[in-house]
Amino acid sequence: MKRTCALASRAVPKSLLERQARRTGSKVGASQEASKFVVASLRDIGSLFSGSSSGDDEEQEALRLHSDTVSKLNSGELTEVVRQRYCVDNKDRCETRMLLTKYPGPAREREMLQVATAELSARDWRKMPRVWQQVSYYHAFGSWGPRTGLSFVGRRPEDFFVTDQKGLWTCSAPRRAEYERSSRALDPASRAVLYAAALVAAVAALGDLWRRQDADRQVTVAELDLAEPTSSPT
């Protein structure tokens, strides 16, 4: 008796109902499909409203992050965080190796640094703390993000990581090799002018030689005596 009640209380599988509906030709399957379509349509409409609300939430979160970052920047709290993270001995100057290994840090800290550098870019550069000058420079031109792995070689670097402003061309091995290579070779513009002048000179010399050797181009110059004849005495 107990087993019969348990079997009666068990729910009929949905696949069995669908097969029975297709076999008997009833409209149960069609009504279920229609109800699924209505539910999917309502879900799509709801996603439109939820998407707009999530966009508003993201905008409010960005405004809250900007306000919080500017407040910490003006109070000096964010400056102390940067000094503790990227400075070792000299609290007024970031260490290059610390920036290379730790920048930009976690996602929250990266967002705050991006907002802070954007806010400071609109202010007077000369009044900016030294650490923020370094962070702003490295954020704009450093070997992080899409420039990961790139070195600072090429033209004279105007970075703030060099404490001694003497011999910037040869302050490191890559820059020394770049300086020696550029000092021995001509720049591309000078090479182009030199090659063009050599080509014109070679073409002119070959043309002159070809004209001298061509018999058809040689002419005989006749020497005429243009002296006036003496008049005989009458």
Protein backbone atom coordinates (compact mmCIF):
# COMPACT_ATOMS: atom_id res chain seq x y z
CA MET A 1 0.00 0.00 0.00
CA LYS A 2 2.81 2.38 0.89
CA ARG A 3 4.65 1.59 -2.34
CA THR A 4 1.50 2.29 -4.38
CA CYS A 5 1.11 5.71 -2.72
CA ALA A 6 4.73 6.56 -3.37
CA LEU A 7 4.39 5.73 -7.06
CA ALA A 8 1.19 7.77 -7.29
CA SER A 9 2.81 10.80 -5.67
CA ARG A 10 5.83 10.74 -8.03
CA ALA A 11 5.69 13.42 -10.76
CA VAL A 12 5.25 12.27 -14.35
CA PRO A 13 8.38 13.03 -16.46
CA LYS A 14 7.98 15.97 -18.81
CA SER A 15 9.48 14.06 -21.76
CA LEU A 16 6.83 11.37 -21.34
CA LEU A 17 4.07 13.98 -21.48
CA GLU A 18 5.55 15.53 -24.64
CA ARG A 19 5.79 12.14 -26.39
CA GLN A 20 2.22 11.36 -25.40
CA ALA A 21 1.07 14.73 -26.74
CA ARG A 22 2.78 14.16 -30.09
CA ARG A 23 1.34 10.64 -30.31
CA THR A 24 -2.21 11.58 -29.47
CA GLY A 25 -2.11 14.84 -31.43
CA SER A 26 -3.29 16.94 -28.50
CA LYS A 27 -2.61 20.68 -28.22
CA VAL A 28 -0.67 20.37 -24.99
CA GLY A 29 2.71 20.59 -26.77
CA ALA A 30 1.67 23.66 -28.76
CA SER A 31 0.47 25.42 -25.62
CA GLN A 32 3.74 24.63 -23.86
CA GLU A 33 5.74 26.05 -26.77
CA ALA A 34 3.62 29.19 -26.75
CA SER A 35 4.14 29.61 -23.02
CA LYS A 36 7.91 29.21 -23.47
CA PHE A 37 7.88 31.89 -26.16
CA VAL A 38 5.97 34.28 -23.91
CA VAL A 39 8.35 33.66 -21.00
CA ALA A 40 11.40 34.25 -23.25
CA SER A 41 9.89 37.49 -24.56
CA LEU A 42 9.22 38.74 -21.05
CA ARG A 43 12.76 37.82 -20.06
CA ASP A 44 14.20 39.83 -23.00
CA ILE A 45 12.08 42.85 -22.07
CA GLY A 46 13.25 42.60 -18.49
CA SER A 47 16.89 42.43 -19.61
CA LEU A 48 16.46 45.78 -21.38
CA PHE A 49 15.41 47.49 -18.17
CA SER A 50 18.04 45.68 -16.13
CA GLY A 51 20.73 46.74 -18.63
CA SER A 52 19.87 50.41 -18.28
CA SER A 53 19.84 50.13 -14.53
CA SER A 54 23.24 48.42 -14.55
CA GLY A 55 24.57 51.23 -16.74
CA ASP A 56 23.32 53.79 -14.24
CA ASP A 57 24.94 51.82 -11.44
CA GLU A 58 28.27 51.77 -13.30
CA GLU A 59 28.09 55.51 -13.91
CA GLN A 60 27.35 56.17 -10.26
CA GLU A 61 30.23 53.89 -9.26
CA ALA A 62 32.61 55.80 -11.58
CA LEU A 63 31.49 59.13 -10.12
CA ARG A 64 31.91 57.77 -6.59
CA LEU A 65 35.42 56.50 -7.42
CA HIS A 66 36.38 59.87 -8.92
CA SER A 67 35.10 61.81 -5.92
CA ASP A 68 36.80 59.46 -3.46
CA THR A 69 40.11 59.58 -5.37
CA VAL A 70 40.13 63.39 -5.64
CA SER A 71 39.36 63.66 -1.91
CA LYS A 72 42.25 61.33 -1.00
CA LEU A 73 44.53 63.13 -3.44
CA ASN A 74 43.80 66.57 -1.98
CA SER A 75 44.20 65.33 1.58
CA GLY A 76 47.59 63.73 0.84
CA GLU A 77 46.43 60.23 1.75
CA LEU A 78 46.90 58.88 -1.78
CA THR A 79 50.35 60.48 -2.00
CA GLU A 80 51.44 58.62 1.12
CA VAL A 81 50.12 55.37 -0.36
CA VAL A 82 52.24 55.95 -3.48
CA ARG A 83 55.33 56.72 -1.38
CA GLN A 84 54.88 53.61 0.73
CA ARG A 85 54.42 51.43 -2.34
CA TYR A 86 57.02 52.78 -4.76
CA CYS A 87 59.63 54.57 -2.58
CA VAL A 88 62.27 52.90 -0.44
CA ASP A 89 64.80 55.30 1.10
CA ASN A 90 64.13 58.63 -0.57
CA LYS A 91 60.49 59.50 0.07
CA ASP A 92 60.55 62.20 -2.60
CA ARG A 93 61.61 59.91 -5.44
CA CYS A 94 60.17 56.61 -6.64
CA GLU A 95 62.48 53.67 -7.26
CA THR A 96 62.55 52.48 -10.86
CA ARG A 97 62.63 48.81 -9.93
CA MET A 98 59.61 49.26 -7.68
CA LEU A 99 57.62 50.81 -10.51
CA LEU A 100 58.72 48.09 -12.91
CA THR A 101 57.71 45.28 -10.57
CA LYS A 102 54.63 46.67 -8.76
CA TYR A 103 52.95 49.11 -11.14
CA PRO A 104 50.00 49.30 -11.69
CA GLY A 105 49.04 46.95 -8.84
CA PRO A 106 45.58 45.55 -8.08
CA ALA A 107 42.53 46.56 -10.09
CA ARG A 108 41.20 49.00 -7.47
CA GLU A 109 44.57 50.68 -7.04
CA ARG A 110 45.05 50.85 -10.82
CA GLU A 111 41.71 52.64 -11.23
CA MET A 112 42.59 55.13 -8.49
CA LEU A 113 46.00 55.86 -10.03
CA GLN A 114 44.44 56.40 -13.45
CA VAL A 115 41.88 58.81 -12.02
CA ALA A 116 44.59 60.61 -10.02
CA THR A 117 46.95 61.01 -12.98
CA ALA A 118 44.09 62.30 -15.14
CA GLU A 119 43.15 64.79 -12.42
CA LEU A 120 46.76 65.95 -11.95
CA SER A 121 47.33 66.36 -15.69
CA ALA A 122 45.02 69.39 -15.62
CA ARG A 123 47.05 71.07 -12.86
CA ASP A 124 50.37 72.91 -12.83
CA TRP A 125 53.15 70.39 -13.42
CA ARG A 126 55.68 72.43 -11.42
CA LYS A 127 53.52 72.25 -8.29
CA MET A 128 53.01 68.50 -8.55
CA PRO A 129 54.86 66.33 -5.99
CA ARG A 130 57.92 64.57 -7.35
CA VAL A 131 56.46 61.11 -6.83
CA TRP A 132 53.37 62.03 -8.83
CA GLN A 133 55.55 63.39 -11.63
CA GLN A 134 57.29 60.04 -11.82
CA VAL A 135 54.05 58.03 -11.63
CA SER A 136 52.40 60.23 -14.27
CA TYR A 137 55.39 59.87 -16.59
CA TYR A 138 55.58 56.12 -16.12
CA HIS A 139 51.82 55.79 -16.55
CA ALA A 140 52.05 57.62 -19.90
CA PHE A 141 55.35 56.33 -21.29
CA GLY A 142 56.45 53.41 -19.11
CA SER A 143 56.91 49.77 -20.09
CA TRP A 144 53.58 48.55 -18.76
CA GLY A 145 50.29 47.56 -20.38
CA PRO A 146 50.67 47.47 -24.18
CA ARG A 147 54.33 48.56 -23.81
CA THR A 148 55.33 45.70 -21.54
CA GLY A 149 58.86 44.58 -22.34
CA LEU A 150 59.87 47.75 -24.19
CA SER A 151 63.06 49.49 -23.07
CA PHE A 152 63.82 53.19 -22.95
CA VAL A 153 66.29 53.40 -25.86
CA GLY A 154 66.42 55.81 -28.75
CA ARG A 155 66.33 59.56 -28.35
CA ARG A 156 67.56 61.34 -25.21
CA PRO A 157 65.26 60.13 -22.40
CA GLU A 158 63.56 62.84 -20.37
CA ASP A 159 62.59 60.55 -17.50
CA PHE A 160 62.65 61.33 -13.79
CA PHE A 161 64.29 58.09 -12.72
CA VAL A 162 67.81 59.38 -13.39
CA THR A 163 69.21 61.21 -10.37
CA ASP A 164 72.36 62.36 -12.18
CA GLN A 165 71.61 64.41 -15.30
CA LYS A 166 75.14 63.86 -16.70
CA GLY A 167 75.83 61.31 -19.40
CA LEU A 168 72.26 60.25 -20.00
CA TRP A 169 73.29 58.73 -23.32
CA THR A 170 75.59 56.22 -21.66
CA CYS A 171 73.99 55.70 -18.24
CA SER A 172 73.01 52.11 -19.06
CA ALA A 173 74.19 49.32 -21.35
CA PRO A 174 71.27 49.51 -23.85
CA ARG A 175 71.60 53.28 -24.15
CA ARG A 176 75.37 53.01 -24.52
CA ALA A 177 74.97 50.52 -27.37
CA GLU A 178 72.34 52.74 -28.99
CA TYR A 179 74.59 55.78 -28.65
CA GLU A 180 77.60 54.01 -30.15
CA ARG A 181 75.53 52.70 -33.04
CA SER A 182 74.00 56.10 -33.81
CA SER A 183 77.34 57.92 -33.49
CA ARG A 184 78.99 55.68 -36.08
CA ALA A 185 76.21 55.71 -38.64
CA LEU A 186 74.42 58.46 -40.52
CA ASP A 187 70.79 59.18 -39.97
CA PRO A 188 68.31 57.98 -42.64
CA ALA A 189 67.81 61.45 -44.18
CA SER A 190 71.56 62.01 -44.60
CA ARG A 191 71.99 58.55 -46.10
CA ALA A 192 69.18 59.20 -48.59
CA VAL A 193 70.77 62.50 -49.71
CA LEU A 194 74.21 60.88 -49.99
CA TYR A 195 72.91 57.93 -52.02
CA ALA A 196 70.94 60.24 -54.34
CA ALA A 197 73.99 62.44 -54.97
CA ALA A 198 76.16 59.38 -55.68
CA LEU A 199 73.55 58.02 -58.11
CA VAL A 200 73.29 61.30 -60.03
CA ALA A 201 77.08 61.59 -60.24
CA ALA A 202 77.39 58.00 -61.50
CA VAL A 203 74.71 58.51 -64.17
CA ALA A 204 76.37 61.73 -65.34
CA ALA A 205 79.82 60.09 -65.54
CA LEU A 206 78.49 57.10 -67.50
CA GLY A 207 76.65 59.37 -69.92
CA ASP A 208 79.75 61.43 -70.54
CA LEU A 209 81.84 58.30 -71.12
CA TRP A 210 79.24 56.88 -73.50
CA ARG A 211 79.15 60.08 -75.54
CA ARG A 212 82.94 60.14 -75.84
CA GLN A 213 83.04 56.54 -77.12
CA ASP A 214 80.17 56.89 -79.63
CA ALA A 215 81.54 57.63 -83.13
CA ASP A 216 78.24 59.01 -84.35
CA ARG A 217 78.36 61.69 -81.77
CA GLN A 218 81.84 62.95 -82.75
CA VAL A 219 82.12 66.00 -84.99
CA THR A 220 85.00 67.53 -86.94
CA VAL A 221 85.60 71.16 -86.25
CA ALA A 222 86.87 73.13 -89.23
CA GLU A 223 89.25 75.95 -88.59
CA LEU A 224 88.47 78.90 -90.83
CA ASP A 225 90.85 81.73 -91.52
CA LEU A 226 88.83 84.82 -90.86
CA ALA A 227 91.66 87.26 -91.45
CA GLU A 228 90.79 90.10 -93.87
CA PRO A 229 92.63 89.96 -97.24
CA THR A 230 95.12 92.72 -97.92
CA SER A 231 94.04 95.14 -100.66
CA SER A 232 96.38 95.60 -103.61
CA PRO A 233 97.63 99.13 -104.30
CA THR A 234 95.94 100.83 -107.15
